[in-house]
C-alpha atoms as a PDB file:
ATOM      1  CA  MET A   1      -9.661   6.787 -18.275  1.00  0.00           C
ATOM      2  CA  GLU A   2      -6.900   5.354 -20.482  1.00  0.00           C
ATOM      3  CA  LEU A   3      -3.542   4.386 -18.989  1.00  0.00           C
ATOM      4  CA  ASN A   4      -1.589   6.169 -21.725  1.00  0.00           C
ATOM      5  CA  THR A   5      -3.172   9.472 -20.649  1.00  0.00           C
ATOM      6  CA  LEU A   6      -2.024   8.928 -17.042  1.00  0.00           C
ATOM      7  CA  LEU A   7       1.538   7.798 -17.726  1.00  0.00           C
ATOM      8  CA  PRO A   8       3.019  11.189 -18.717  1.00  0.00           C
ATOM      9  CA  SER A   9       1.831  12.686 -15.419  1.00  0.00           C
ATOM     10  CA  ILE A  10       3.152   9.715 -13.459  1.00  0.00           C
ATOM     11  CA  ILE A  11       6.560   9.815 -15.159  1.00  0.00           C
ATOM     12  CA  ALA A  12       6.854  13.591 -14.710  1.00  0.00           C
ATOM     13  CA  ASP A  13       6.562  13.270 -10.905  1.00  0.00           C
ATOM     14  CA  ASN A  14       9.475  11.326  -9.386  1.00  0.00           C
ATOM     15  CA  ALA A  15       7.526  10.307  -6.275  1.00  0.00           C
ATOM     16  CA  LEU A  16       4.603   9.056  -8.343  1.00  0.00           C
ATOM     17  CA  HIS A  17       6.934   7.329 -10.781  1.00  0.00           C
ATOM     18  CA  ALA A  18       8.699   5.504  -7.942  1.00  0.00           C
ATOM     19  CA  LYS A  19       5.339   4.311  -6.607  1.00  0.00           C
ATOM     20  CA  TRP A  20       4.268   3.251 -10.108  1.00  0.00           C
ATOM     21  CA  LEU A  21       7.422   1.149 -10.544  1.00  0.00           C
ATOM     22  CA  ASN A  22       6.940  -0.317  -7.081  1.00  0.00           C
ATOM     23  CA  THR A  23       3.325  -1.151  -7.933  1.00  0.00           C
ATOM     24  CA  LEU A  24       4.381  -2.951 -11.112  1.00  0.00           C
ATOM     25  CA  SER A  25       7.043  -4.784  -9.095  1.00  0.00           C
ATOM     26  CA  LEU A  26       4.406  -5.855  -6.571  1.00  0.00           C
ATOM     27  CA  MET A  27       2.177  -7.200  -9.341  1.00  0.00           C
ATOM     28  CA  GLU A  28       5.034  -9.100 -10.998  1.00  0.00           C
ATOM     29  CA  ASN A  29       5.994 -10.570  -7.633  1.00  0.00           C
ATOM     30  CA  THR A  30       2.398 -11.554  -6.927  1.00  0.00           C
ATOM     31  CA  GLY A  31       2.255 -13.293 -10.302  1.00  0.00           C
ATOM     32  CA  ALA A  32       5.500 -15.148  -9.625  1.00  0.00           C
ATOM     33  CA  ARG A  33       4.261 -16.356  -6.243  1.00  0.00           C
ATOM     34  CA  LYS A  34       0.973 -17.496  -7.769  1.00  0.00           C
ATOM     35  CA  ILE A  35       2.821 -19.494 -10.427  1.00  0.00           C
ATOM     36  CA  SER A  36       4.909 -21.155  -7.725  1.00  0.00           C
ATOM     37  CA  ALA A  37       1.798 -21.887  -5.639  1.00  0.00           C
ATOM     38  CA  SER A  38       0.176 -23.638  -8.603  1.00  0.00           C
ATOM     39  CA  GLU A  39       3.124 -25.987  -9.135  1.00  0.00           C
ATOM     40  CA  ASP A  40       2.697 -29.704  -8.598  1.00  0.00           C
ATOM     41  CA  PRO A  41       5.803 -30.884  -6.705  1.00  0.00           C
ATOM     42  CA  LEU A  42       6.198 -33.941  -8.938  1.00  0.00           C
ATOM     43  CA  THR A  43       5.096 -32.789 -12.385  1.00  0.00           C
ATOM     44  CA  VAL A  44       6.264 -29.154 -12.480  1.00  0.00           C
ATOM     45  CA  THR A  45       7.777 -28.438 -15.901  1.00  0.00           C
ATOM     46  CA  TYR A  46      10.773 -26.502 -17.183  1.00  0.00           C
ATOM     47  CA  ILE A  47       8.494 -23.826 -18.664  1.00  0.00           C
ATOM     48  CA  ILE A  48       6.663 -23.239 -15.378  1.00  0.00           C
ATOM     49  CA  LEU A  49       9.941 -22.946 -13.444  1.00  0.00           C
ATOM     50  CA  LYS A  50      11.369 -20.612 -16.100  1.00  0.00           C
ATOM     51  CA  HIS A  51       8.270 -18.451 -16.066  1.00  0.00           C
ATOM     52  CA  ALA A  52       8.196 -18.119 -12.269  1.00  0.00           C
ATOM     53  CA  ALA A  53      11.911 -17.242 -12.208  1.00  0.00           C
ATOM     54  CA  GLU A  54      11.510 -14.575 -14.891  1.00  0.00           C
ATOM     55  CA  GLU A  55       8.508 -12.989 -13.147  1.00  0.00           C
ATOM     56  CA  HIS A  56      10.551 -12.802  -9.941  1.00  0.00           C
ATOM     57  CA  ARG A  57      13.369 -11.198 -11.906  1.00  0.00           C
ATOM     58  CA  HIS A  58      10.966  -8.643 -13.383  1.00  0.00           C
ATOM     59  CA  ALA A  59       9.848  -7.727  -9.862  1.00  0.00           C
ATOM     60  CA  PHE A  60      13.497  -7.245  -8.845  1.00  0.00           C
ATOM     61  CA  TYR A  61      14.377  -5.333 -12.040  1.00  0.00           C
ATOM     62  CA  LEU A  62      11.494  -2.891 -11.536  1.00  0.00           C
ATOM     63  CA  LYS A  63      12.601  -2.352  -7.940  1.00  0.00           C
ATOM     64  CA  LYS A  64      16.091  -1.503  -9.200  1.00  0.00           C
ATOM     65  CA  GLN A  65      14.652   0.968 -11.710  1.00  0.00           C
ATOM     66  CA  ILE A  66      13.184   2.980  -8.816  1.00  0.00           C
ATOM     67  CA  GLU A  67      16.718   4.200  -8.052  1.00  0.00           C
ATOM     68  CA  LYS A  68      16.634   6.159 -11.337  1.00  0.00           C
ATOM     69  CA  THR A  69      13.675   8.271 -10.170  1.00  0.00           C
ATOM     70  CA  GLY A  70      15.608   9.876  -7.323  1.00  0.00           C
ATOM     71  CA  PRO A  71      16.569   9.298  -3.691  1.00  0.00           C
ATOM     72  CA  ALA A  72      12.999   8.681  -2.437  1.00  0.00           C
ATOM     73  CA  ALA A  73      13.031   4.892  -2.576  1.00  0.00           C
ATOM     74  CA  CYS A  74      10.015   2.664  -1.956  1.00  0.00           C
ATOM     75  CA  ALA A  75      11.490   0.278   0.565  1.00  0.00           C
ATOM     76  CA  THR A  76       8.621  -2.228   0.736  1.00  0.00           C
ATOM     77  CA  TYR A  77       5.206  -3.009  -0.744  1.00  0.00           C
ATOM     78  CA  ALA A  78       3.482  -1.200   2.129  1.00  0.00           C
ATOM     79  CA  PRO A  79       0.382   0.772   0.988  1.00  0.00           C
ATOM     80  CA  GLU A  80       2.114   4.147   1.331  1.00  0.00           C
ATOM     81  CA  PHE A  81       4.645   3.063  -1.330  1.00  0.00           C
ATOM     82  CA  LEU A  82       2.056   1.966  -3.909  1.00  0.00           C
ATOM     83  CA  LEU A  83      -0.458   3.507  -6.297  1.00  0.00           C
ATOM     84  CA  ALA A  84      -4.055   2.340  -5.744  1.00  0.00           C
ATOM     85  CA  PRO A  85      -2.779  -0.190  -3.182  1.00  0.00           C
ATOM     86  CA  GLY A  86      -6.082  -1.993  -2.625  1.00  0.00           C
ATOM     87  CA  TYR A  87      -6.750  -2.586  -6.322  1.00  0.00           C
ATOM     88  CA  SER A  88      -3.090  -3.353  -7.037  1.00  0.00           C
ATOM     89  CA  LYS A  89      -2.785  -5.974  -4.302  1.00  0.00           C
ATOM     90  CA  TYR A  90      -6.023  -7.804  -5.071  1.00  0.00           C
ATOM     91  CA  TYR A  91      -6.117  -7.506  -8.864  1.00  0.00           C
ATOM     92  CA  LEU A  92      -4.493 -10.884  -9.546  1.00  0.00           C
ATOM     93  CA  ASN A  93      -6.197 -12.563  -6.598  1.00  0.00           C
ATOM     94  CA  GLN A  94      -9.596 -11.476  -7.868  1.00  0.00           C
ATOM     95  CA  LEU A  95      -8.785 -12.655 -11.392  1.00  0.00           C
ATOM     96  CA  ASP A  96      -7.700 -16.019  -9.988  1.00  0.00           C
ATOM     97  CA  ILE A  97     -10.959 -16.335  -8.043  1.00  0.00           C
ATOM     98  CA  GLN A  98     -13.120 -15.486 -11.046  1.00  0.00           C
ATOM     99  CA  VAL A  99     -11.268 -17.836 -13.405  1.00  0.00           C
ATOM    100  CA  SER A 100     -11.281 -20.671 -10.861  1.00  0.00           C
ATOM    101  CA  ARG A 101     -15.021 -20.252 -10.347  1.00  0.00           C
ATOM    102  CA  TYR A 102     -15.537 -20.415 -14.119  1.00  0.00           C
ATOM    103  CA  LEU A 103     -13.411 -23.578 -14.437  1.00  0.00           C
ATOM    104  CA  LYS A 104     -15.291 -25.281 -11.610  1.00  0.00           C
ATOM    105  CA  GLN A 105     -18.625 -24.538 -13.252  1.00  0.00           C
ATOM    106  CA  ALA A 106     -17.729 -25.008 -16.929  1.00  0.00           C
ATOM    107  CA  LEU A 107     -15.235 -27.884 -16.759  1.00  0.00           C
ATOM    108  CA  LYS A 108     -16.001 -29.364 -13.314  1.00  0.00           C
ATOM    109  CA  LEU A 109     -12.327 -29.211 -12.349  1.00  0.00           C
ATOM    110  CA  SER A 110     -10.984 -29.513  -8.814  1.00  0.00           C
ATOM    111  CA  GLY A 111      -7.726 -30.004  -6.923  1.00  0.00           C
ATOM    112  CA  LYS A 112      -4.463 -29.887  -8.827  1.00  0.00           C
ATOM    113  CA  ASP A 113      -6.266 -29.948 -12.200  1.00  0.00           C
ATOM    114  CA  LEU A 114      -8.115 -26.785 -11.208  1.00  0.00           C
ATOM    115  CA  ARG A 115      -4.930 -25.100  -9.991  1.00  0.00           C
ATOM    116  CA  PHE A 116      -3.080 -25.895 -13.203  1.00  0.00           C
ATOM    117  CA  ALA A 117      -5.938 -24.802 -15.477  1.00  0.00           C
ATOM    118  CA  ALA A 118      -6.322 -21.564 -13.496  1.00  0.00           C
ATOM    119  CA  TYR A 119      -2.577 -20.960 -13.829  1.00  0.00           C
ATOM    120  CA  LEU A 120      -2.826 -21.362 -17.601  1.00  0.00           C
ATOM    121  CA  LEU A 121      -5.800 -19.034 -18.093  1.00  0.00           C
ATOM    122  CA  VAL A 122      -4.865 -16.388 -15.539  1.00  0.00           C
ATOM    123  CA  THR A 123      -1.288 -16.227 -16.780  1.00  0.00           C
ATOM    124  CA  TYR A 124      -2.426 -16.048 -20.393  1.00  0.00           C
ATOM    125  CA  ALA A 125      -4.711 -13.095 -19.626  1.00  0.00           C
ATOM    126  CA  ILE A 126      -1.937 -11.323 -17.725  1.00  0.00           C
ATOM    127  CA  GLU A 127       0.568 -11.890 -20.534  1.00  0.00           C
ATOM    128  CA  VAL A 128      -1.889 -10.437 -23.062  1.00  0.00           C
ATOM    129  CA  ARG A 129      -2.104  -7.377 -20.802  1.00  0.00           C
ATOM    130  CA  ALA A 130       1.664  -7.177 -20.303  1.00  0.00           C
ATOM    131  CA  ASP A 131       2.204  -7.260 -24.072  1.00  0.00           C
ATOM    132  CA  GLU A 132       0.074  -4.126 -24.255  1.00  0.00           C
ATOM    133  CA  LEU A 133       1.068  -2.305 -21.057  1.00  0.00           C
ATOM    134  CA  TYR A 134       4.859  -2.431 -21.157  1.00  0.00           C
ATOM    135  CA  PRO A 135       5.267  -1.107 -24.743  1.00  0.00           C
ATOM    136  CA  VAL A 136       2.876   1.768 -23.920  1.00  0.00           C
ATOM    137  CA  TYR A 137       4.913   2.506 -20.786  1.00  0.00           C
ATOM    138  CA  GLN A 138       8.212   2.313 -22.699  1.00  0.00           C
ATOM    139  CA  GLN A 139       6.905   4.736 -25.311  1.00  0.00           C
ATOM    140  CA  ALA A 140       5.908   7.174 -22.565  1.00  0.00           C
ATOM    141  CA  LEU A 141       9.380   6.791 -21.017  1.00  0.00           C
ATOM    142  CA  ASP A 142      11.016   7.498 -24.381  1.00  0.00           C
ATOM    143  CA  ASP A 143       8.795  10.517 -24.955  1.00  0.00           C
ATOM    144  CA  ALA A 144       9.764  11.897 -21.528  1.00  0.00           C
ATOM    145  CA  GLY A 145      13.474  11.175 -21.978  1.00  0.00           C
ATOM    146  CA  SER A 146      13.426   9.057 -18.816  1.00  0.00           C
ATOM    147  CA  LYS A 147      16.387   6.965 -17.696  1.00  0.00           C
ATOM    148  CA  VAL A 148      13.989   4.185 -16.712  1.00  0.00           C
ATOM    149  CA  ASN A 149      13.803   1.351 -19.231  1.00  0.00           C
ATOM    150  CA  VAL A 150      11.610  -1.762 -19.480  1.00  0.00           C
ATOM    151  CA  LYS A 151      12.698  -3.083 -22.887  1.00  0.00           C
ATOM    152  CA  SER A 152      14.129  -6.294 -21.438  1.00  0.00           C
ATOM    153  CA  ILE A 153      10.785  -7.066 -19.794  1.00  0.00           C
ATOM    154  CA  ILE A 154       8.960  -6.492 -23.089  1.00  0.00           C
ATOM    155  CA  LEU A 155      11.116  -9.110 -24.836  1.00  0.00           C
ATOM    156  CA  GLU A 156      10.567 -11.721 -22.144  1.00  0.00           C
ATOM    157  CA  GLU A 157       6.829 -11.092 -21.888  1.00  0.00           C
ATOM    158  CA  GLU A 158       6.474 -11.718 -25.630  1.00  0.00           C
ATOM    159  CA  GLY A 159       8.115 -15.102 -25.129  1.00  0.00           C
ATOM    160  CA  HIS A 160       5.843 -15.852 -22.177  1.00  0.00           C
ATOM    161  CA  LEU A 161       2.717 -15.314 -24.256  1.00  0.00           C
ATOM    162  CA  GLU A 162       3.935 -17.764 -26.915  1.00  0.00           C
ATOM    163  CA  GLU A 163       4.676 -20.318 -24.197  1.00  0.00           C
ATOM    164  CA  MET A 164       1.221 -19.898 -22.649  1.00  0.00           C
ATOM    165  CA  ILE A 165      -0.502 -20.415 -26.002  1.00  0.00           C
ATOM    166  CA  SER A 166       1.523 -23.581 -26.548  1.00  0.00           C
ATOM    167  CA  GLN A 167       0.486 -24.940 -23.130  1.00  0.00           C
ATOM    168  CA  LEU A 168      -3.153 -23.954 -23.647  1.00  0.00           C
ATOM    169  CA  LYS A 169      -3.303 -25.810 -26.965  1.00  0.00           C
ATOM    170  CA  GLN A 170      -2.255 -28.959 -25.127  1.00  0.00           C
ATOM    171  CA  PHE A 171      -4.774 -28.263 -22.361  1.00  0.00           C
ATOM    172  CA  SER A 172      -7.927 -28.073 -24.497  1.00  0.00           C
ATOM    173  CA  PRO A 173      -9.059 -27.970 -28.152  1.00  0.00           C
ATOM    174  CA  GLN A 174     -11.385 -25.158 -26.994  1.00  0.00           C
ATOM    175  CA  TRP A 175      -8.512 -23.239 -25.390  1.00  0.00           C
ATOM    176  CA  ALA A 176      -9.287 -19.991 -27.227  1.00  0.00           C
ATOM    177  CA  GLN A 177     -12.848 -19.919 -25.912  1.00  0.00           C
ATOM    178  CA  HIS A 178     -11.712 -20.470 -22.305  1.00  0.00           C
ATOM    179  CA  ALA A 179      -8.870 -17.968 -22.707  1.00  0.00           C
ATOM    180  CA  GLN A 180     -11.255 -15.291 -23.961  1.00  0.00           C
ATOM    181  CA  ILE A 181     -13.357 -15.680 -20.807  1.00  0.00           C
ATOM    182  CA  ALA A 182     -10.238 -15.035 -18.719  1.00  0.00           C
ATOM    183  CA  VAL A 183      -9.300 -12.026 -20.873  1.00  0.00           C
ATOM    184  CA  ASP A 184     -12.799 -10.580 -20.411  1.00  0.00           C
ATOM    185  CA  TYR A 185     -12.519 -10.929 -16.628  1.00  0.00           C
ATOM    186  CA  GLU A 186      -9.064  -9.338 -16.696  1.00  0.00           C
ATOM    187  CA  THR A 187     -10.208  -6.426 -18.868  1.00  0.00           C
ATOM    188  CA  ARG A 188     -12.865  -5.434 -16.355  1.00  0.00           C
ATOM    189  CA  LEU A 189     -10.412  -5.675 -13.451  1.00  0.00           C
ATOM    190  CA  PHE A 190      -7.757  -3.726 -15.371  1.00  0.00           C
ATOM    191  CA  ASN A 191     -10.190  -0.920 -16.185  1.00  0.00           C
ATOM    192  CA  ASP A 192     -11.183  -0.723 -12.512  1.00  0.00           C
ATOM    193  CA  TRP A 193      -7.492  -0.533 -11.580  1.00  0.00           C
ATOM    194  CA  VAL A 194      -6.783   2.277 -14.056  1.00  0.00           C
ATOM    195  CA  ASN A 195      -9.791   4.195 -12.761  1.00  0.00           C
ATOM    196  CA  ALA A 196      -8.453   3.759  -9.228  1.00  0.00           C
ATOM    197  CA  LEU A 197      -5.062   5.127 -10.364  1.00  0.00           C
ATOM    198  CA  ALA A 198      -6.803   8.117 -11.928  1.00  0.00           C
ATOM    199  CA  GLY A 199      -8.805   8.663  -8.757  1.00  0.00           C
ATOM    200  CA  GLU A 200      -5.620   8.932  -6.709  1.00  0.00           C
ATOM    201  CA  MET A 201      -4.089  11.436  -9.102  1.00  0.00           C
ATOM    202  CA  ILE A 202      -7.239  13.506  -9.722  1.00  0.00           C
ATOM    203  CA  PRO A 203      -9.153  13.589  -6.424  1.00  0.00           C
ATOM    204  CA  ALA A 204     -12.869  14.332  -6.707  1.00  0.00           C
END
């Protein structure tokens, strides 16, 4: 199942659309918290702080957009207010685990070096996905004439990807090879997530 085939049905149903926005907000918030958790208290950089702050803002912005879908607000990230809650909550955690395992085996990293390398690769893979997902979502919103808008997120995510590539180039001459491994892990997890979304909307 492709996400762009699900989005029109999600957007057309205000309750589903609210849960979709809340799910995206959850995932942005999870990403922001993971970035903060990876920070070294002494060597944290401007870019890392900026990135964490912007991901938190995206989570807040998406929450605010829920108001445009109608009065049925999603007050929290409780499962009843999310789409595919299990997959949505553990998507980033699972990616982090898989990438960290790869870095331990391939580069023999540990401790803060492992945390920083995992931050670089996981965030890169997520930014590649965001650069694809948000424009597809915005196009579906435009097609539906929705009041919801994610154009500001699209602009910032494009900047994030450039920043991640810059950091990865400093991390390793073989950065592209390592990054592709992370993207491959993420692609499998993303496809599982989309299938879980479809399963909720089209029960067997």
